[in-house]
């Protein structure tokens, strides 16, 4: 049982990083031509970021192309409209712990984004990115007959903001923060790929699980 769980975790992690690594290679080559150098420290934190994304996608149970195909073949026609809750705070009273878990789950995202990438020093960029990532997850759950709840979006976004707040407070306590993007990041302009590196990772990690992960294997 334990070995099966480990295999499933490794399998999903490989799905998460598959497209991300391809993107990473392309980006590094492009930045190398422009005279940019990434630090080893940056990539250590990026792969920690991948692990976090993997855990989020596992916990949220996103829909995959395999599940969508399976439900279609079984002719399971559950109305999509019945799977939506678009009324804010409508389900708060039904499960406080669930909403608390949704907040906690996105706190690391709000912390890691500005910690690894200087482009996310603004809370609005963190909030916007978290909101879009959460929305993609929620919509994908329609493919495996789960519900999409606006309260989940709200709680995830609150969690990301709390993560950014924690980062900001810690940064004030430890002002001599080591730069993690480029050794010469303050002297050079980032390319489009490098500037939106984190966003590409979030999208590509989701795409990797959506297209490559088959939950029926385990």
N, C-alpha and C. Protein backbone atom coordinates (compact mmCIF):
# COMPACT_ATOMS: atom_id res chain seq x y z
N UNK A 1 0.83 -1.21 0.00
CA UNK A 1 0.00 0.00 0.00
C UNK A 1 0.87 1.26 0.00
N UNK A 2 1.88 1.25 0.90
CA UNK A 2 2.77 2.41 1.01
C UNK A 2 3.55 2.62 -0.29
N UNK A 3 4.03 1.52 -0.86
CA UNK A 3 4.79 1.61 -2.11
C UNK A 3 3.92 2.14 -3.24
N UNK A 4 2.65 1.72 -3.25
CA UNK A 4 1.71 2.19 -4.27
C UNK A 4 1.50 3.70 -4.17
N UNK A 5 1.39 4.19 -2.93
CA UNK A 5 1.21 5.63 -2.70
C UNK A 5 2.44 6.40 -3.19
N UNK A 6 3.62 5.88 -2.86
CA UNK A 6 4.86 6.53 -3.29
C UNK A 6 4.95 6.56 -4.81
N UNK A 7 4.60 5.46 -5.46
CA UNK A 7 4.62 5.40 -6.92
C UNK A 7 3.67 6.43 -7.52
N UNK A 8 2.48 6.55 -6.92
CA UNK A 8 1.49 7.51 -7.42
C UNK A 8 1.99 8.94 -7.27
N UNK A 9 2.65 9.23 -6.13
CA UNK A 9 3.19 10.57 -5.89
C UNK A 9 4.30 10.90 -6.89
N UNK A 10 5.19 9.94 -7.10
CA UNK A 10 6.29 10.15 -8.05
C UNK A 10 5.75 10.32 -9.46
N UNK A 11 4.76 9.50 -9.80
CA UNK A 11 4.13 9.58 -11.13
C UNK A 11 3.53 10.96 -11.37
N UNK A 12 2.79 11.47 -10.38
CA UNK A 12 2.17 12.78 -10.56
C UNK A 12 3.22 13.89 -10.58
N UNK A 13 4.27 13.73 -9.77
CA UNK A 13 5.34 14.73 -9.77
C UNK A 13 6.02 14.80 -11.14
N UNK A 14 6.25 13.64 -11.75
CA UNK A 14 6.86 13.60 -13.08
C UNK A 14 5.95 14.25 -14.12
N UNK A 15 4.64 14.06 -13.95
CA UNK A 15 3.68 14.71 -14.85
C UNK A 15 3.72 16.23 -14.68
N UNK A 16 3.88 16.67 -13.42
CA UNK A 16 3.95 18.10 -13.12
C UNK A 16 5.16 18.73 -13.78
N UNK A 17 6.31 18.09 -13.68
CA UNK A 17 7.54 18.73 -14.15
C UNK A 17 7.83 18.49 -15.63
N UNK A 18 7.11 17.59 -16.28
CA UNK A 18 7.44 17.21 -17.66
C UNK A 18 7.52 18.42 -18.60
N UNK A 19 6.43 19.14 -18.74
CA UNK A 19 6.42 20.31 -19.63
C UNK A 19 7.24 21.46 -19.03
N UNK A 20 7.29 21.52 -17.69
CA UNK A 20 8.04 22.59 -17.02
C UNK A 20 9.53 22.49 -17.33
N UNK A 21 10.05 21.27 -17.33
CA UNK A 21 11.48 21.08 -17.62
C UNK A 21 11.80 21.46 -19.06
N UNK A 22 10.92 21.10 -19.98
CA UNK A 22 11.11 21.48 -21.38
C UNK A 22 11.14 23.00 -21.51
N UNK A 23 10.19 23.66 -20.86
CA UNK A 23 10.15 25.12 -20.86
C UNK A 23 11.42 25.69 -20.24
N UNK A 24 11.85 25.08 -19.14
CA UNK A 24 13.02 25.55 -18.41
C UNK A 24 14.27 25.50 -19.29
N UNK A 25 14.43 24.42 -20.03
CA UNK A 25 15.59 24.28 -20.92
C UNK A 25 15.59 25.37 -21.99
N UNK A 26 14.42 25.60 -22.58
CA UNK A 26 14.29 26.64 -23.61
C UNK A 26 14.60 28.01 -23.03
N UNK A 27 14.07 28.28 -21.83
CA UNK A 27 14.27 29.58 -21.20
C UNK A 27 15.74 29.81 -20.84
N UNK A 28 16.38 28.79 -20.29
CA UNK A 28 17.78 28.92 -19.90
C UNK A 28 18.67 29.21 -21.11
N UNK A 29 18.41 28.50 -22.21
CA UNK A 29 19.20 28.74 -23.43
C UNK A 29 19.00 30.16 -23.94
N UNK A 30 17.76 30.62 -23.88
CA UNK A 30 17.46 31.97 -24.36
C UNK A 30 18.14 33.01 -23.47
N UNK A 31 18.05 32.81 -22.15
CA UNK A 31 18.66 33.76 -21.23
C UNK A 31 20.19 33.71 -21.31
N UNK A 32 20.73 32.52 -21.59
CA UNK A 32 22.18 32.40 -21.72
C UNK A 32 22.68 33.25 -22.89
N UNK A 33 21.92 33.25 -23.98
CA UNK A 33 22.30 34.06 -25.14
C UNK A 33 22.24 35.56 -24.82
N UNK A 34 21.34 35.91 -23.89
CA UNK A 34 21.20 37.32 -23.51
C UNK A 34 22.15 37.72 -22.39
N UNK A 35 23.01 36.79 -21.99
CA UNK A 35 23.99 37.11 -20.96
C UNK A 35 23.49 36.95 -19.54
N UNK A 36 22.35 36.30 -19.36
CA UNK A 36 21.80 36.09 -18.02
C UNK A 36 22.25 34.75 -17.47
N UNK A 37 22.45 34.71 -16.16
CA UNK A 37 22.83 33.46 -15.51
C UNK A 37 21.91 33.22 -14.31
N UNK A 38 21.36 32.03 -14.25
CA UNK A 38 20.56 31.65 -13.08
C UNK A 38 21.48 31.09 -12.00
N UNK A 39 21.14 31.33 -10.76
CA UNK A 39 21.89 30.75 -9.66
C UNK A 39 21.35 29.36 -9.35
N UNK A 40 22.19 28.50 -8.79
CA UNK A 40 21.76 27.16 -8.39
C UNK A 40 20.67 27.25 -7.33
N UNK A 41 20.79 28.23 -6.47
CA UNK A 41 19.81 28.44 -5.41
C UNK A 41 18.41 28.65 -5.98
N UNK A 42 18.35 29.36 -7.09
CA UNK A 42 17.06 29.62 -7.74
C UNK A 42 16.39 28.31 -8.13
N UNK A 43 17.15 27.41 -8.75
CA UNK A 43 16.56 26.16 -9.23
C UNK A 43 16.20 25.22 -8.09
N UNK A 44 16.94 25.28 -7.00
CA UNK A 44 16.58 24.48 -5.83
C UNK A 44 15.18 24.86 -5.36
N UNK A 45 14.92 26.16 -5.29
CA UNK A 45 13.60 26.63 -4.85
C UNK A 45 12.53 26.39 -5.90
N UNK A 46 12.90 26.41 -7.16
CA UNK A 46 11.93 26.11 -8.22
C UNK A 46 11.43 24.68 -8.10
N UNK A 47 12.34 23.75 -7.82
CA UNK A 47 11.93 22.35 -7.71
C UNK A 47 11.17 22.08 -6.42
N UNK A 48 11.44 22.86 -5.40
CA UNK A 48 10.59 22.82 -4.20
C UNK A 48 9.20 23.34 -4.55
N UNK A 49 9.16 24.35 -5.39
CA UNK A 49 7.89 24.90 -5.88
C UNK A 49 7.11 23.83 -6.64
N UNK A 50 7.80 23.03 -7.44
CA UNK A 50 7.15 21.93 -8.16
C UNK A 50 6.50 20.93 -7.19
N UNK A 51 7.23 20.62 -6.12
CA UNK A 51 6.70 19.68 -5.13
C UNK A 51 5.43 20.24 -4.51
N UNK A 52 5.45 21.52 -4.19
CA UNK A 52 4.26 22.16 -3.63
C UNK A 52 3.08 22.08 -4.60
N UNK A 53 3.33 22.40 -5.87
CA UNK A 53 2.26 22.34 -6.88
C UNK A 53 1.70 20.93 -6.98
N UNK A 54 2.58 19.93 -6.94
CA UNK A 54 2.14 18.54 -7.01
C UNK A 54 1.19 18.22 -5.87
N UNK A 55 1.54 18.64 -4.67
CA UNK A 55 0.69 18.39 -3.50
C UNK A 55 -0.66 19.08 -3.63
N UNK A 56 -0.65 20.31 -4.16
CA UNK A 56 -1.91 21.04 -4.36
C UNK A 56 -2.80 20.31 -5.35
N UNK A 57 -2.23 19.87 -6.46
CA UNK A 57 -3.02 19.20 -7.49
C UNK A 57 -3.54 17.85 -7.01
N UNK A 58 -2.77 17.20 -6.14
CA UNK A 58 -3.23 15.94 -5.55
C UNK A 58 -4.40 16.19 -4.60
N UNK A 59 -4.24 17.19 -3.74
CA UNK A 59 -5.27 17.49 -2.74
C UNK A 59 -6.57 17.97 -3.37
N UNK A 60 -6.46 18.72 -4.45
CA UNK A 60 -7.67 19.28 -5.08
C UNK A 60 -8.34 18.29 -6.02
N UNK A 61 -7.61 17.26 -6.44
CA UNK A 61 -8.21 16.25 -7.32
C UNK A 61 -8.70 16.82 -8.63
N UNK A 62 -7.79 17.47 -9.37
CA UNK A 62 -8.20 18.11 -10.63
C UNK A 62 -8.64 17.06 -11.64
N UNK A 63 -9.49 17.48 -12.55
CA UNK A 63 -9.94 16.58 -13.60
C UNK A 63 -8.86 16.38 -14.64
N UNK A 64 -8.82 15.20 -15.22
CA UNK A 64 -7.84 14.90 -16.27
C UNK A 64 -8.56 14.47 -17.54
N UNK A 65 -7.84 14.44 -18.62
CA UNK A 65 -8.43 14.05 -19.90
C UNK A 65 -8.90 12.59 -19.86
N UNK A 66 -8.22 11.77 -19.06
CA UNK A 66 -8.60 10.36 -18.94
C UNK A 66 -9.95 10.23 -18.22
N UNK A 67 -10.14 11.03 -17.18
CA UNK A 67 -11.42 10.97 -16.45
C UNK A 67 -12.55 11.49 -17.32
N UNK A 68 -12.29 12.56 -18.04
CA UNK A 68 -13.31 13.12 -18.92
C UNK A 68 -13.73 12.10 -19.97
N UNK A 69 -12.75 11.41 -20.54
CA UNK A 69 -13.04 10.38 -21.55
C UNK A 69 -13.83 9.23 -20.94
N UNK A 70 -13.45 8.85 -19.72
CA UNK A 70 -14.12 7.73 -19.06
C UNK A 70 -15.58 8.06 -18.77
N UNK A 71 -15.82 9.26 -18.23
CA UNK A 71 -17.20 9.65 -17.93
C UNK A 71 -18.04 9.78 -19.20
N UNK A 72 -17.40 10.23 -20.26
CA UNK A 72 -18.11 10.36 -21.53
C UNK A 72 -18.52 8.99 -22.07
N UNK A 73 -17.60 8.03 -21.97
CA UNK A 73 -17.90 6.68 -22.45
C UNK A 73 -19.00 6.02 -21.62
N UNK A 74 -19.04 6.36 -20.32
CA UNK A 74 -20.05 5.77 -19.45
C UNK A 74 -21.38 6.51 -19.54
N UNK A 75 -21.40 7.57 -20.37
CA UNK A 75 -22.61 8.37 -20.57
C UNK A 75 -23.15 8.94 -19.26
N UNK A 76 -22.23 9.36 -18.40
CA UNK A 76 -22.65 9.95 -17.14
C UNK A 76 -22.94 11.43 -17.40
N UNK A 77 -24.18 11.77 -17.45
CA UNK A 77 -24.60 13.12 -17.83
C UNK A 77 -25.17 13.85 -16.63
N UNK A 78 -24.29 14.31 -15.78
CA UNK A 78 -24.71 15.13 -14.65
C UNK A 78 -24.67 16.59 -15.08
N UNK A 79 -25.74 17.30 -14.86
CA UNK A 79 -25.82 18.69 -15.30
C UNK A 79 -24.71 19.52 -14.68
N UNK A 80 -23.98 20.25 -15.53
CA UNK A 80 -22.90 21.10 -15.04
C UNK A 80 -23.44 22.20 -14.14
N UNK A 81 -24.62 22.66 -14.45
CA UNK A 81 -25.20 23.75 -13.66
C UNK A 81 -25.39 23.35 -12.20
N UNK A 82 -25.65 22.08 -11.94
CA UNK A 82 -25.84 21.62 -10.56
C UNK A 82 -24.52 21.50 -9.82
N UNK A 83 -23.40 21.62 -10.53
CA UNK A 83 -22.09 21.49 -9.90
C UNK A 83 -21.46 22.84 -9.59
N UNK A 84 -22.19 23.91 -9.82
CA UNK A 84 -21.69 25.26 -9.58
C UNK A 84 -22.30 25.86 -8.32
N UNK A 85 -21.46 26.53 -7.53
CA UNK A 85 -21.96 27.40 -6.47
C UNK A 85 -21.35 28.77 -6.72
N UNK A 86 -22.16 29.69 -7.20
CA UNK A 86 -21.68 31.03 -7.54
C UNK A 86 -22.09 32.08 -6.52
N UNK A 87 -22.64 31.63 -5.39
CA UNK A 87 -23.06 32.55 -4.33
C UNK A 87 -21.96 32.60 -3.27
N UNK A 88 -21.29 33.74 -3.11
CA UNK A 88 -20.20 33.84 -2.14
C UNK A 88 -20.66 33.52 -0.72
N UNK A 89 -19.84 32.75 -0.02
CA UNK A 89 -20.04 32.38 1.38
C UNK A 89 -21.32 31.58 1.61
N UNK A 90 -21.84 30.99 0.55
CA UNK A 90 -23.06 30.19 0.67
C UNK A 90 -22.81 28.87 1.38
N UNK A 91 -21.57 28.38 1.28
CA UNK A 91 -21.27 27.07 1.87
C UNK A 91 -20.38 27.16 3.11
N UNK A 92 -20.19 28.37 3.62
CA UNK A 92 -19.32 28.55 4.78
C UNK A 92 -19.80 27.75 5.98
N UNK A 93 -21.09 27.83 6.25
CA UNK A 93 -21.63 27.16 7.44
C UNK A 93 -21.59 25.64 7.31
N UNK A 94 -21.45 25.15 6.09
CA UNK A 94 -21.47 23.70 5.87
C UNK A 94 -20.16 22.99 6.15
N UNK A 95 -19.06 23.72 6.26
CA UNK A 95 -17.78 23.06 6.51
C UNK A 95 -16.66 24.05 6.76
N UNK A 96 -16.54 24.52 8.00
CA UNK A 96 -15.53 25.50 8.36
C UNK A 96 -14.13 24.94 8.13
N UNK A 97 -13.92 23.69 8.49
CA UNK A 97 -12.60 23.08 8.37
C UNK A 97 -12.16 22.98 6.91
N UNK A 98 -13.11 22.72 6.03
CA UNK A 98 -12.79 22.65 4.60
C UNK A 98 -12.30 23.99 4.08
N UNK A 99 -12.98 25.05 4.48
CA UNK A 99 -12.58 26.39 4.05
C UNK A 99 -11.25 26.80 4.67
N UNK A 100 -11.04 26.40 5.92
CA UNK A 100 -9.76 26.68 6.57
C UNK A 100 -8.63 25.96 5.84
N UNK A 101 -8.90 24.72 5.42
CA UNK A 101 -7.90 23.95 4.67
C UNK A 101 -7.58 24.62 3.33
N UNK A 102 -8.60 25.19 2.68
CA UNK A 102 -8.39 25.89 1.41
C UNK A 102 -7.53 27.13 1.59
N UNK A 103 -7.68 27.79 2.73
CA UNK A 103 -6.83 28.96 3.03
C UNK A 103 -5.39 28.52 3.25
N UNK A 104 -5.21 27.51 4.10
CA UNK A 104 -3.87 27.03 4.44
C UNK A 104 -3.14 26.50 3.20
N UNK A 105 -3.89 25.84 2.32
CA UNK A 105 -3.28 25.23 1.13
C UNK A 105 -2.60 26.24 0.22
N UNK A 106 -3.10 27.47 0.16
CA UNK A 106 -2.54 28.47 -0.74
C UNK A 106 -1.60 29.46 -0.05
N UNK A 107 -1.41 29.32 1.26
CA UNK A 107 -0.45 30.18 1.95
C UNK A 107 0.97 29.98 1.40
N UNK A 108 1.42 28.74 1.18
CA UNK A 108 2.76 28.56 0.59
C UNK A 108 2.92 29.21 -0.78
N UNK A 109 1.85 29.20 -1.59
CA UNK A 109 1.92 29.84 -2.91
C UNK A 109 2.17 31.33 -2.76
N UNK A 110 1.43 31.97 -1.85
CA UNK A 110 1.60 33.40 -1.62
C UNK A 110 2.96 33.75 -1.07
N UNK A 111 3.58 32.80 -0.37
CA UNK A 111 4.92 33.02 0.18
C UNK A 111 6.01 32.76 -0.85
N UNK A 112 5.89 31.65 -1.58
CA UNK A 112 6.95 31.24 -2.50
C UNK A 112 7.07 32.15 -3.73
N UNK A 113 5.94 32.66 -4.22
CA UNK A 113 6.00 33.51 -5.42
C UNK A 113 6.92 34.72 -5.23
N UNK A 114 6.73 35.55 -4.19
CA UNK A 114 7.65 36.68 -4.01
C UNK A 114 9.02 36.27 -3.49
N UNK A 115 9.09 35.13 -2.82
CA UNK A 115 10.36 34.67 -2.27
C UNK A 115 11.32 34.23 -3.38
N UNK A 116 10.77 33.59 -4.41
CA UNK A 116 11.60 33.08 -5.51
C UNK A 116 11.73 34.10 -6.65
N UNK A 117 10.64 34.82 -6.92
CA UNK A 117 10.60 35.73 -8.07
C UNK A 117 10.34 37.16 -7.62
N UNK A 118 11.26 38.04 -7.93
CA UNK A 118 11.13 39.45 -7.53
C UNK A 118 9.96 40.14 -8.21
N UNK A 119 9.44 39.57 -9.32
CA UNK A 119 8.31 40.17 -10.02
C UNK A 119 7.03 40.15 -9.18
N UNK A 120 7.02 39.33 -8.13
CA UNK A 120 5.81 39.17 -7.32
C UNK A 120 5.89 39.89 -5.98
N UNK A 121 6.63 40.98 -5.94
CA UNK A 121 6.68 41.76 -4.71
C UNK A 121 5.35 42.46 -4.45
N UNK A 122 4.59 42.71 -5.51
CA UNK A 122 3.28 43.34 -5.37
C UNK A 122 2.25 42.31 -4.93
N UNK A 123 1.44 42.62 -3.90
CA UNK A 123 0.41 41.66 -3.46
C UNK A 123 -0.64 41.41 -4.53
N UNK A 124 -0.88 42.41 -5.38
CA UNK A 124 -1.90 42.26 -6.42
C UNK A 124 -1.51 41.21 -7.45
N UNK A 125 -0.22 41.12 -7.76
CA UNK A 125 0.23 40.10 -8.70
C UNK A 125 0.10 38.71 -8.09
N UNK A 126 0.38 38.61 -6.80
CA UNK A 126 0.23 37.34 -6.10
C UNK A 126 -1.23 36.93 -6.04
N UNK A 127 -2.09 37.88 -5.69
CA UNK A 127 -3.53 37.61 -5.60
C UNK A 127 -4.09 37.21 -6.96
N UNK A 128 -3.72 37.95 -8.00
CA UNK A 128 -4.22 37.65 -9.34
C UNK A 128 -3.78 36.29 -9.83
N UNK A 129 -2.51 35.96 -9.59
CA UNK A 129 -1.99 34.65 -10.01
C UNK A 129 -2.67 33.52 -9.26
N UNK A 130 -2.83 33.69 -7.95
CA UNK A 130 -3.49 32.67 -7.14
C UNK A 130 -4.94 32.48 -7.56
N UNK A 131 -5.61 33.58 -7.85
CA UNK A 131 -7.01 33.52 -8.26
C UNK A 131 -7.17 32.74 -9.57
N UNK A 132 -6.31 33.03 -10.54
CA UNK A 132 -6.38 32.35 -11.83
C UNK A 132 -6.03 30.87 -11.71
N UNK A 133 -5.01 30.56 -10.90
CA UNK A 133 -4.62 29.17 -10.70
C UNK A 133 -5.75 28.39 -10.02
N UNK A 134 -6.36 29.00 -9.02
CA UNK A 134 -7.48 28.37 -8.32
C UNK A 134 -8.67 28.18 -9.26
N UNK A 135 -8.91 29.17 -10.12
CA UNK A 135 -10.03 29.08 -11.07
C UNK A 135 -9.82 27.92 -12.05
N UNK A 136 -8.60 27.77 -12.54
CA UNK A 136 -8.30 26.66 -13.46
C UNK A 136 -8.57 25.32 -12.78
N UNK A 137 -8.14 25.21 -11.53
CA UNK A 137 -8.36 23.98 -10.77
C UNK A 137 -9.84 23.70 -10.60
N UNK A 138 -10.59 24.74 -10.21
CA UNK A 138 -12.03 24.57 -9.97
C UNK A 138 -12.77 24.16 -11.24
N UNK A 139 -12.45 24.78 -12.35
CA UNK A 139 -13.13 24.46 -13.61
C UNK A 139 -12.79 23.04 -14.08
N UNK A 140 -11.56 22.62 -13.82
CA UNK A 140 -11.16 21.27 -14.24
C UNK A 140 -11.92 20.19 -13.47
N UNK A 141 -12.38 20.53 -12.28
CA UNK A 141 -13.09 19.55 -11.47
C UNK A 141 -14.46 19.20 -12.04
N UNK A 142 -14.92 20.00 -12.98
CA UNK A 142 -16.18 19.66 -13.67
C UNK A 142 -15.99 18.43 -14.55
N UNK A 143 -14.75 18.17 -14.96
CA UNK A 143 -14.48 17.04 -15.84
C UNK A 143 -14.52 15.70 -15.12
N UNK A 144 -14.34 15.72 -13.79
CA UNK A 144 -14.45 14.46 -13.04
C UNK A 144 -15.65 14.48 -12.10
N UNK A 145 -16.64 15.27 -12.49
CA UNK A 145 -17.93 15.32 -11.81
C UNK A 145 -17.85 15.84 -10.38
N UNK A 146 -16.86 16.66 -10.10
CA UNK A 146 -16.80 17.33 -8.80
C UNK A 146 -17.42 18.71 -8.93
N UNK A 147 -17.60 19.39 -7.82
CA UNK A 147 -18.28 20.68 -7.85
C UNK A 147 -17.27 21.82 -7.94
N UNK A 148 -17.73 22.94 -8.50
CA UNK A 148 -16.95 24.17 -8.57
C UNK A 148 -17.59 25.20 -7.66
N UNK A 149 -16.84 25.65 -6.67
CA UNK A 149 -17.39 26.50 -5.61
C UNK A 149 -16.63 27.82 -5.56
N UNK A 150 -17.35 28.92 -5.65
CA UNK A 150 -16.71 30.24 -5.60
C UNK A 150 -16.06 30.48 -4.25
N UNK A 151 -16.58 29.82 -3.21
CA UNK A 151 -15.98 29.96 -1.89
C UNK A 151 -14.56 29.42 -1.86
N UNK A 152 -14.31 28.37 -2.64
CA UNK A 152 -12.95 27.83 -2.74
C UNK A 152 -12.01 28.87 -3.34
N UNK A 153 -12.49 29.58 -4.36
CA UNK A 153 -11.68 30.65 -4.97
C UNK A 153 -11.35 31.73 -3.95
N UNK A 154 -12.36 32.11 -3.18
CA UNK A 154 -12.18 33.17 -2.18
C UNK A 154 -11.18 32.74 -1.12
N UNK A 155 -11.35 31.52 -0.60
CA UNK A 155 -10.47 31.02 0.46
C UNK A 155 -9.03 30.84 -0.04
N UNK A 156 -8.88 30.31 -1.24
CA UNK A 156 -7.55 30.16 -1.82
C UNK A 156 -6.85 31.51 -1.97
N UNK A 157 -7.61 32.50 -2.42
CA UNK A 157 -7.04 33.84 -2.62
C UNK A 157 -6.64 34.47 -1.29
N UNK A 158 -7.48 34.28 -0.28
CA UNK A 158 -7.15 34.78 1.07
C UNK A 158 -5.86 34.12 1.56
N UNK A 159 -5.75 32.81 1.32
CA UNK A 159 -4.56 32.08 1.73
C UNK A 159 -3.31 32.62 1.05
N UNK A 160 -3.39 32.90 -0.24
CA UNK A 160 -2.25 33.44 -0.97
C UNK A 160 -1.85 34.81 -0.43
N UNK A 161 -2.84 35.63 -0.11
CA UNK A 161 -2.55 36.96 0.45
C UNK A 161 -1.87 36.83 1.82
N UNK A 162 -2.33 35.88 2.63
CA UNK A 162 -1.70 35.65 3.93
C UNK A 162 -0.25 35.20 3.74
N UNK A 163 -0.02 34.37 2.73
CA UNK A 163 1.34 33.93 2.44
C UNK A 163 2.23 35.10 2.05
N UNK A 164 1.70 35.99 1.21
CA UNK A 164 2.46 37.19 0.82
C UNK A 164 2.73 38.07 2.04
N UNK A 165 1.76 38.18 2.94
CA UNK A 165 1.92 38.98 4.16
C UNK A 165 3.02 38.41 5.04
N UNK A 166 3.04 37.09 5.19
CA UNK A 166 4.09 36.44 5.98
C UNK A 166 5.46 36.71 5.37
N UNK A 167 5.54 36.61 4.04
CA UNK A 167 6.80 36.89 3.35
C UNK A 167 7.26 38.32 3.61
N UNK A 168 6.33 39.27 3.50
CA UNK A 168 6.66 40.68 3.68
C UNK A 168 7.15 40.96 5.10
N UNK A 169 6.52 40.34 6.08
CA UNK A 169 6.93 40.54 7.47
C UNK A 169 8.32 39.95 7.72
N UNK A 170 8.55 38.76 7.19
CA UNK A 170 9.86 38.12 7.37
C UNK A 170 10.96 38.89 6.63
N UNK A 171 10.60 39.47 5.49
CA UNK A 171 11.59 40.23 4.73
C UNK A 171 12.04 41.47 5.52
N UNK A 172 11.11 42.06 6.25
CA UNK A 172 11.45 43.23 7.07
C UNK A 172 12.35 42.83 8.24
N UNK A 173 12.14 41.60 8.75
CA UNK A 173 12.96 41.12 9.85
C UNK A 173 14.36 40.75 9.39
N UNK A 174 14.44 40.20 8.19
CA UNK A 174 15.73 39.79 7.62
C UNK A 174 15.96 40.57 6.34
N UNK A 175 16.45 41.77 6.48
CA UNK A 175 16.55 42.69 5.35
C UNK A 175 17.59 42.26 4.33
N UNK A 176 18.62 41.56 4.75
CA UNK A 176 19.68 41.14 3.83
C UNK A 176 19.28 39.85 3.13
N UNK A 177 18.22 39.92 2.37
CA UNK A 177 17.72 38.75 1.64
C UNK A 177 18.61 38.46 0.44
N UNK A 178 18.97 37.20 0.28
CA UNK A 178 19.81 36.81 -0.87
C UNK A 178 18.96 36.77 -2.14
N UNK A 179 19.47 37.37 -3.21
CA UNK A 179 18.74 37.39 -4.49
C UNK A 179 18.75 36.01 -5.12
N UNK A 180 17.59 35.58 -5.61
CA UNK A 180 17.47 34.20 -6.07
C UNK A 180 17.23 34.05 -7.56
N UNK A 181 17.02 35.13 -8.26
CA UNK A 181 16.70 34.95 -9.67
C UNK A 181 17.95 34.81 -10.53
N UNK A 182 18.69 35.90 -10.70
CA UNK A 182 19.90 35.92 -11.51
C UNK A 182 21.03 36.50 -10.68
N UNK A 183 22.23 36.08 -11.00
CA UNK A 183 23.37 36.68 -10.32
C UNK A 183 23.48 38.16 -10.65
N UNK A 184 23.02 38.55 -11.83
CA UNK A 184 23.07 39.95 -12.25
C UNK A 184 21.66 40.48 -12.50
N UNK A 185 20.69 40.03 -11.70
CA UNK A 185 19.28 40.34 -11.97
C UNK A 185 18.96 41.82 -11.90
N UNK A 186 19.68 42.56 -11.08
CA UNK A 186 19.38 43.98 -10.94
C UNK A 186 19.97 44.80 -12.09
N UNK A 187 20.82 44.18 -12.90
CA UNK A 187 21.51 44.93 -13.94
C UNK A 187 20.99 44.62 -15.33
N UNK A 188 20.12 43.64 -15.44
CA UNK A 188 19.66 43.22 -16.75
C UNK A 188 18.15 43.15 -16.81
N UNK A 189 17.63 43.25 -18.00
CA UNK A 189 16.19 43.16 -18.21
C UNK A 189 15.81 41.72 -18.50
N UNK A 190 14.75 41.25 -17.84
CA UNK A 190 14.31 39.88 -18.05
C UNK A 190 13.54 39.76 -19.35
N UNK A 191 13.69 38.61 -20.01
CA UNK A 191 12.91 38.34 -21.21
C UNK A 191 11.48 38.00 -20.81
N UNK A 192 10.61 37.87 -21.81
CA UNK A 192 9.21 37.53 -21.54
C UNK A 192 9.10 36.20 -20.82
N UNK A 193 9.86 35.20 -21.27
CA UNK A 193 9.81 33.88 -20.65
C UNK A 193 10.25 33.93 -19.20
N UNK A 194 11.35 34.64 -18.94
CA UNK A 194 11.87 34.72 -17.58
C UNK A 194 10.97 35.55 -16.67
N UNK A 195 10.40 36.61 -17.23
CA UNK A 195 9.55 37.49 -16.43
C UNK A 195 8.31 36.76 -15.93
N UNK A 196 7.76 35.89 -16.78
CA UNK A 196 6.54 35.15 -16.40
C UNK A 196 6.86 33.68 -16.11
N UNK A 197 8.06 33.43 -15.64
CA UNK A 197 8.51 32.06 -15.37
C UNK A 197 7.55 31.32 -14.44
N UNK A 198 7.17 31.95 -13.34
CA UNK A 198 6.29 31.30 -12.37
C UNK A 198 4.93 30.97 -12.98
N UNK A 199 4.39 31.89 -13.77
CA UNK A 199 3.08 31.67 -14.40
C UNK A 199 3.15 30.51 -15.38
N UNK A 200 4.24 30.43 -16.14
CA UNK A 200 4.41 29.30 -17.06
C UNK A 200 4.47 27.98 -16.30
N UNK A 201 5.16 27.98 -15.17
CA UNK A 201 5.25 26.75 -14.37
C UNK A 201 3.88 26.30 -13.89
N UNK A 202 3.07 27.24 -13.43
CA UNK A 202 1.74 26.90 -12.92
C UNK A 202 0.87 26.32 -14.04
N UNK A 203 0.90 26.97 -15.20
CA UNK A 203 0.08 26.52 -16.33
C UNK A 203 0.57 25.18 -16.86
N UNK A 204 1.88 25.05 -17.04
CA UNK A 204 2.44 23.83 -17.61
C UNK A 204 2.34 22.64 -16.66
N UNK A 205 2.45 22.91 -15.36
CA UNK A 205 2.29 21.82 -14.39
C UNK A 205 0.87 21.28 -14.42
N UNK A 206 -0.09 22.20 -14.51
CA UNK A 206 -1.49 21.78 -14.63
C UNK A 206 -1.70 20.99 -15.92
N UNK A 207 -1.14 21.51 -17.02
CA UNK A 207 -1.29 20.84 -18.31
C UNK A 207 -0.67 19.44 -18.29
N UNK A 208 0.45 19.31 -17.59
CA UNK A 208 1.11 18.01 -17.49
C UNK A 208 0.24 16.97 -16.81
N UNK A 209 -0.37 17.37 -15.68
CA UNK A 209 -1.25 16.45 -14.96
C UNK A 209 -2.52 16.19 -15.76
N UNK A 210 -3.08 17.23 -16.36
CA UNK A 210 -4.32 17.11 -17.11
C UNK A 210 -4.17 16.15 -18.30
N UNK A 211 -3.04 16.24 -18.98
CA UNK A 211 -2.84 15.45 -20.20
C UNK A 211 -2.14 14.11 -19.97
N UNK A 212 -1.30 14.03 -18.95
CA UNK A 212 -0.46 12.84 -18.78
C UNK A 212 -0.85 11.94 -17.62
N UNK A 213 -1.51 12.50 -16.62
CA UNK A 213 -1.80 11.72 -15.41
C UNK A 213 -3.07 10.90 -15.56
N UNK A 214 -2.95 9.59 -15.37
CA UNK A 214 -4.10 8.69 -15.42
C UNK A 214 -4.34 8.11 -14.03
N UNK A 215 -5.34 8.61 -13.30
CA UNK A 215 -5.59 8.15 -11.93
C UNK A 215 -5.98 6.69 -11.84
N UNK A 216 -6.35 6.08 -12.94
CA UNK A 216 -6.78 4.69 -12.93
C UNK A 216 -5.60 3.72 -12.85
N UNK A 217 -4.39 4.24 -12.99
CA UNK A 217 -3.22 3.37 -12.93
C UNK A 217 -2.89 2.94 -11.51
N UNK A 218 -3.40 3.70 -10.52
CA UNK A 218 -3.09 3.38 -9.12
C UNK A 218 -4.38 3.29 -8.31
